[in-house]
């Protein structure tokens, strides 16, 4: 028989995983786009598209890669660590923070 406390623990763990995923995507996607595409984003307008419109499209492309399984949360974390030297950290009970090499 499953106890109420077991159900609460499962719910808390699932909420923490979801929060960590959301934070990694929320920060990781723009970090990757800025790191990889900064030179393309410095021009004010390209083919009639503003800098912000192109940035949003690039972020949505990265999200599609995640959503379709071509990139995982671990991939985002590893790429950001390898390329930018920072790690997105979210521990239980503490607010997320950035750790530098």
N, C-alpha and C. Protein backbone atom coordinates (compact mmCIF):
# COMPACT_ATOMS: atom_id res chain seq x y z
N UNK A 1 0.84 -1.17 0.00
CA UNK A 1 0.00 0.00 0.00
C UNK A 1 0.89 1.25 0.00
N UNK A 2 0.54 2.22 -0.80
CA UNK A 2 1.28 3.47 -0.89
C UNK A 2 0.74 4.44 0.15
N UNK A 3 1.67 5.01 0.89
CA UNK A 3 1.30 5.98 1.93
C UNK A 3 1.18 7.37 1.31
N UNK A 4 0.43 8.22 1.98
CA UNK A 4 0.27 9.61 1.53
C UNK A 4 1.63 10.29 1.47
N UNK A 5 2.50 10.01 2.42
CA UNK A 5 3.83 10.62 2.44
C UNK A 5 4.65 10.19 1.22
N UNK A 6 4.46 8.94 0.77
CA UNK A 6 5.15 8.47 -0.44
C UNK A 6 4.66 9.22 -1.68
N UNK A 7 3.37 9.44 -1.75
CA UNK A 7 2.79 10.17 -2.87
C UNK A 7 3.31 11.62 -2.88
N UNK A 8 3.36 12.23 -1.71
CA UNK A 8 3.87 13.60 -1.60
C UNK A 8 5.33 13.68 -2.04
N UNK A 9 6.11 12.69 -1.64
CA UNK A 9 7.52 12.67 -2.02
C UNK A 9 7.67 12.53 -3.53
N UNK A 10 6.89 11.67 -4.14
CA UNK A 10 6.91 11.49 -5.60
C UNK A 10 6.52 12.78 -6.30
N UNK A 11 5.48 13.44 -5.80
CA UNK A 11 5.04 14.72 -6.38
C UNK A 11 6.13 15.79 -6.25
N UNK A 12 6.76 15.86 -5.09
CA UNK A 12 7.83 16.84 -4.89
C UNK A 12 9.01 16.60 -5.82
N UNK A 13 9.39 15.34 -5.98
CA UNK A 13 10.51 15.00 -6.86
C UNK A 13 10.17 15.33 -8.32
N UNK A 14 8.94 15.06 -8.73
CA UNK A 14 8.52 15.37 -10.10
C UNK A 14 8.49 16.88 -10.32
N UNK A 15 8.03 17.62 -9.33
CA UNK A 15 7.99 19.08 -9.45
C UNK A 15 9.41 19.64 -9.54
N UNK A 16 10.32 19.09 -8.77
CA UNK A 16 11.71 19.55 -8.83
C UNK A 16 12.34 19.26 -10.18
N UNK A 17 12.10 18.06 -10.72
CA UNK A 17 12.62 17.73 -12.06
C UNK A 17 12.05 18.67 -13.11
N UNK A 18 10.75 18.94 -13.03
CA UNK A 18 10.11 19.85 -13.99
C UNK A 18 10.68 21.26 -13.88
N UNK A 19 10.91 21.71 -12.66
CA UNK A 19 11.49 23.04 -12.45
C UNK A 19 12.90 23.10 -13.02
N UNK A 20 13.70 22.11 -12.74
CA UNK A 20 15.07 22.07 -13.27
C UNK A 20 15.08 22.06 -14.79
N UNK A 21 14.17 21.30 -15.39
CA UNK A 21 14.07 21.26 -16.85
C UNK A 21 13.68 22.62 -17.39
N UNK A 22 12.69 23.24 -16.78
CA UNK A 22 12.23 24.56 -17.24
C UNK A 22 13.33 25.60 -17.13
N UNK A 23 14.06 25.60 -16.04
CA UNK A 23 15.13 26.57 -15.85
C UNK A 23 16.24 26.34 -16.87
N UNK A 24 16.60 25.09 -17.08
CA UNK A 24 17.65 24.79 -18.05
C UNK A 24 17.24 25.23 -19.44
N UNK A 25 16.00 24.98 -19.82
CA UNK A 25 15.54 25.41 -21.14
C UNK A 25 15.42 26.93 -21.22
N UNK A 26 14.88 27.54 -20.16
CA UNK A 26 14.66 28.99 -20.17
C UNK A 26 15.98 29.75 -20.31
N UNK A 27 17.01 29.29 -19.64
CA UNK A 27 18.32 29.94 -19.72
C UNK A 27 19.22 29.31 -20.77
N UNK A 28 19.15 28.00 -20.88
CA UNK A 28 20.05 27.27 -21.78
C UNK A 28 19.85 27.59 -23.25
N UNK A 29 18.62 27.67 -23.67
CA UNK A 29 18.35 27.94 -25.08
C UNK A 29 18.90 29.31 -25.49
N UNK A 30 18.56 30.39 -24.79
CA UNK A 30 19.13 31.68 -25.18
C UNK A 30 20.66 31.72 -25.07
N UNK A 31 21.24 31.05 -24.05
CA UNK A 31 22.69 31.03 -23.93
C UNK A 31 23.33 30.37 -25.15
N UNK A 32 22.76 29.24 -25.57
CA UNK A 32 23.32 28.56 -26.74
C UNK A 32 23.18 29.41 -28.00
N UNK A 33 22.03 30.03 -28.17
CA UNK A 33 21.81 30.86 -29.36
C UNK A 33 22.79 32.04 -29.35
N UNK A 34 22.91 32.71 -28.23
CA UNK A 34 23.84 33.85 -28.16
C UNK A 34 25.28 33.41 -28.39
N UNK A 35 25.64 32.28 -27.82
CA UNK A 35 27.01 31.79 -28.00
C UNK A 35 27.28 31.43 -29.45
N UNK A 36 26.36 30.71 -30.06
CA UNK A 36 26.57 30.19 -31.42
C UNK A 36 26.27 31.19 -32.52
N UNK A 37 25.35 32.10 -32.29
CA UNK A 37 24.85 32.95 -33.37
C UNK A 37 25.03 34.44 -33.11
N UNK A 38 25.88 34.81 -32.16
CA UNK A 38 26.01 36.22 -31.80
C UNK A 38 26.32 37.10 -33.01
N UNK A 39 27.25 36.66 -33.84
CA UNK A 39 27.63 37.51 -34.98
C UNK A 39 26.46 37.72 -35.94
N UNK A 40 25.58 36.75 -36.04
CA UNK A 40 24.39 36.90 -36.89
C UNK A 40 23.36 37.83 -36.26
N UNK A 41 23.42 37.97 -34.95
CA UNK A 41 22.44 38.79 -34.25
C UNK A 41 22.88 40.24 -34.09
N UNK A 42 24.12 40.54 -34.42
CA UNK A 42 24.59 41.92 -34.26
C UNK A 42 24.04 42.85 -35.34
N UNK A 43 23.69 42.29 -36.48
CA UNK A 43 23.10 43.12 -37.54
C UNK A 43 21.65 43.44 -37.18
N UNK A 44 21.30 44.69 -37.35
CA UNK A 44 19.98 45.15 -36.93
C UNK A 44 18.85 44.44 -37.70
N UNK A 45 19.01 44.31 -38.99
CA UNK A 45 17.96 43.70 -39.81
C UNK A 45 18.59 42.83 -40.88
N UNK A 46 18.00 41.67 -41.11
CA UNK A 46 18.44 40.75 -42.15
C UNK A 46 17.20 40.21 -42.85
N UNK A 47 17.16 40.39 -44.16
CA UNK A 47 16.02 39.91 -44.95
C UNK A 47 14.69 40.38 -44.39
N UNK A 48 14.65 41.62 -43.93
CA UNK A 48 13.41 42.20 -43.41
C UNK A 48 13.04 41.75 -42.01
N UNK A 49 13.91 40.97 -41.36
CA UNK A 49 13.61 40.48 -40.01
C UNK A 49 14.48 41.22 -39.01
N UNK A 50 13.86 41.65 -37.92
CA UNK A 50 14.60 42.35 -36.88
C UNK A 50 15.49 41.37 -36.11
N UNK A 51 16.39 41.93 -35.37
CA UNK A 51 17.30 41.16 -34.52
C UNK A 51 16.50 40.27 -33.56
N UNK A 52 15.48 40.84 -32.92
CA UNK A 52 14.68 40.06 -31.96
C UNK A 52 13.88 38.96 -32.63
N UNK A 53 13.37 39.23 -33.81
CA UNK A 53 12.62 38.19 -34.53
C UNK A 53 13.54 37.02 -34.87
N UNK A 54 14.74 37.32 -35.34
CA UNK A 54 15.69 36.25 -35.67
C UNK A 54 16.11 35.48 -34.41
N UNK A 55 16.33 36.22 -33.32
CA UNK A 55 16.70 35.58 -32.05
C UNK A 55 15.59 34.63 -31.59
N UNK A 56 14.35 35.09 -31.66
CA UNK A 56 13.21 34.25 -31.26
C UNK A 56 13.13 33.01 -32.13
N UNK A 57 13.32 33.15 -33.43
CA UNK A 57 13.28 31.99 -34.33
C UNK A 57 14.39 31.00 -33.99
N UNK A 58 15.58 31.53 -33.68
CA UNK A 58 16.70 30.65 -33.33
C UNK A 58 16.42 29.91 -32.02
N UNK A 59 15.83 30.60 -31.05
CA UNK A 59 15.46 29.96 -29.78
C UNK A 59 14.40 28.88 -30.01
N UNK A 60 13.41 29.19 -30.82
CA UNK A 60 12.36 28.21 -31.11
C UNK A 60 12.92 26.98 -31.82
N UNK A 61 13.90 27.19 -32.68
CA UNK A 61 14.56 26.05 -33.34
C UNK A 61 15.22 25.15 -32.30
N UNK A 62 15.94 25.75 -31.33
CA UNK A 62 16.59 24.96 -30.29
C UNK A 62 15.55 24.21 -29.45
N UNK A 63 14.43 24.87 -29.15
CA UNK A 63 13.37 24.21 -28.40
C UNK A 63 12.81 23.03 -29.19
N UNK A 64 12.62 23.23 -30.50
CA UNK A 64 12.15 22.11 -31.34
C UNK A 64 13.13 20.94 -31.29
N UNK A 65 14.42 21.24 -31.30
CA UNK A 65 15.43 20.17 -31.20
C UNK A 65 15.25 19.38 -29.90
N UNK A 66 14.99 20.09 -28.80
CA UNK A 66 14.74 19.43 -27.53
C UNK A 66 13.44 18.64 -27.57
N UNK A 67 12.40 19.29 -28.06
CA UNK A 67 11.07 18.68 -28.09
C UNK A 67 11.03 17.42 -28.95
N UNK A 68 11.82 17.40 -30.00
CA UNK A 68 11.86 16.24 -30.90
C UNK A 68 12.87 15.20 -30.47
N UNK A 69 13.57 15.45 -29.36
CA UNK A 69 14.51 14.47 -28.83
C UNK A 69 15.90 14.53 -29.43
N UNK A 70 16.19 15.55 -30.25
CA UNK A 70 17.52 15.67 -30.84
C UNK A 70 18.52 16.25 -29.86
N UNK A 71 18.06 16.95 -28.84
CA UNK A 71 18.88 17.47 -27.75
C UNK A 71 18.19 17.13 -26.43
N UNK A 72 18.99 16.76 -25.45
CA UNK A 72 18.44 16.47 -24.12
C UNK A 72 18.86 17.58 -23.15
N UNK A 73 18.30 17.54 -21.97
CA UNK A 73 18.71 18.49 -20.93
C UNK A 73 20.20 18.33 -20.64
N UNK A 74 20.67 17.08 -20.60
CA UNK A 74 22.10 16.86 -20.37
C UNK A 74 22.93 17.47 -21.50
N UNK A 75 22.44 17.37 -22.74
CA UNK A 75 23.14 17.99 -23.87
C UNK A 75 23.27 19.49 -23.66
N UNK A 76 22.16 20.15 -23.29
CA UNK A 76 22.21 21.59 -23.04
C UNK A 76 23.25 21.91 -21.97
N UNK A 77 23.18 21.20 -20.85
CA UNK A 77 24.11 21.45 -19.75
C UNK A 77 25.56 21.21 -20.17
N UNK A 78 25.81 20.12 -20.88
CA UNK A 78 27.17 19.80 -21.31
C UNK A 78 27.72 20.81 -22.32
N UNK A 79 26.89 21.22 -23.26
CA UNK A 79 27.33 22.19 -24.26
C UNK A 79 27.63 23.54 -23.61
N UNK A 80 26.75 23.98 -22.73
CA UNK A 80 26.95 25.26 -22.04
C UNK A 80 28.23 25.21 -21.20
N UNK A 81 28.45 24.09 -20.53
CA UNK A 81 29.67 23.94 -19.73
C UNK A 81 30.91 23.94 -20.61
N UNK A 82 30.88 23.15 -21.68
CA UNK A 82 32.04 23.02 -22.56
C UNK A 82 32.33 24.31 -23.31
N UNK A 83 31.30 24.94 -23.85
CA UNK A 83 31.49 26.11 -24.71
C UNK A 83 31.60 27.42 -23.95
N UNK A 84 30.86 27.56 -22.85
CA UNK A 84 30.82 28.85 -22.16
C UNK A 84 31.45 28.80 -20.77
N UNK A 85 31.73 27.61 -20.26
CA UNK A 85 32.36 27.50 -18.96
C UNK A 85 31.45 27.82 -17.78
N UNK A 86 30.14 27.70 -17.99
CA UNK A 86 29.22 27.91 -16.88
C UNK A 86 28.27 26.73 -16.77
N UNK A 87 27.76 26.55 -15.57
CA UNK A 87 26.85 25.44 -15.30
C UNK A 87 25.60 26.02 -14.64
N UNK A 88 24.44 25.59 -15.09
CA UNK A 88 23.18 25.98 -14.47
C UNK A 88 22.89 24.96 -13.38
N UNK A 89 22.82 25.43 -12.14
CA UNK A 89 22.66 24.54 -11.00
C UNK A 89 21.36 24.86 -10.29
N UNK A 90 20.60 23.82 -9.98
CA UNK A 90 19.36 23.98 -9.23
C UNK A 90 19.29 22.83 -8.23
N UNK A 91 19.56 23.15 -6.98
CA UNK A 91 19.53 22.14 -5.92
C UNK A 91 18.21 22.19 -5.18
N UNK A 92 17.87 21.08 -4.60
CA UNK A 92 16.64 21.01 -3.81
C UNK A 92 16.66 22.05 -2.70
N UNK A 93 15.60 22.83 -2.64
CA UNK A 93 15.47 23.80 -1.57
C UNK A 93 16.23 25.10 -1.76
N UNK A 94 16.98 25.23 -2.84
CA UNK A 94 17.69 26.48 -3.07
C UNK A 94 17.34 27.02 -4.44
N UNK A 95 17.48 28.33 -4.59
CA UNK A 95 17.17 28.90 -5.89
C UNK A 95 18.29 28.55 -6.87
N UNK A 96 17.98 28.49 -8.15
CA UNK A 96 18.99 28.17 -9.16
C UNK A 96 20.09 29.24 -9.20
N UNK A 97 21.27 28.81 -9.59
CA UNK A 97 22.38 29.75 -9.73
C UNK A 97 23.31 29.27 -10.83
N UNK A 98 24.24 30.14 -11.21
CA UNK A 98 25.21 29.82 -12.25
C UNK A 98 26.56 29.57 -11.57
N UNK A 99 27.18 28.47 -11.93
CA UNK A 99 28.49 28.12 -11.40
C UNK A 99 29.49 28.28 -12.54
N UNK A 100 30.60 28.96 -12.27
CA UNK A 100 31.63 29.17 -13.28
C UNK A 100 32.78 28.21 -13.09
N UNK A 101 33.48 27.92 -14.19
CA UNK A 101 34.66 27.07 -14.14
C UNK A 101 35.73 27.67 -13.29
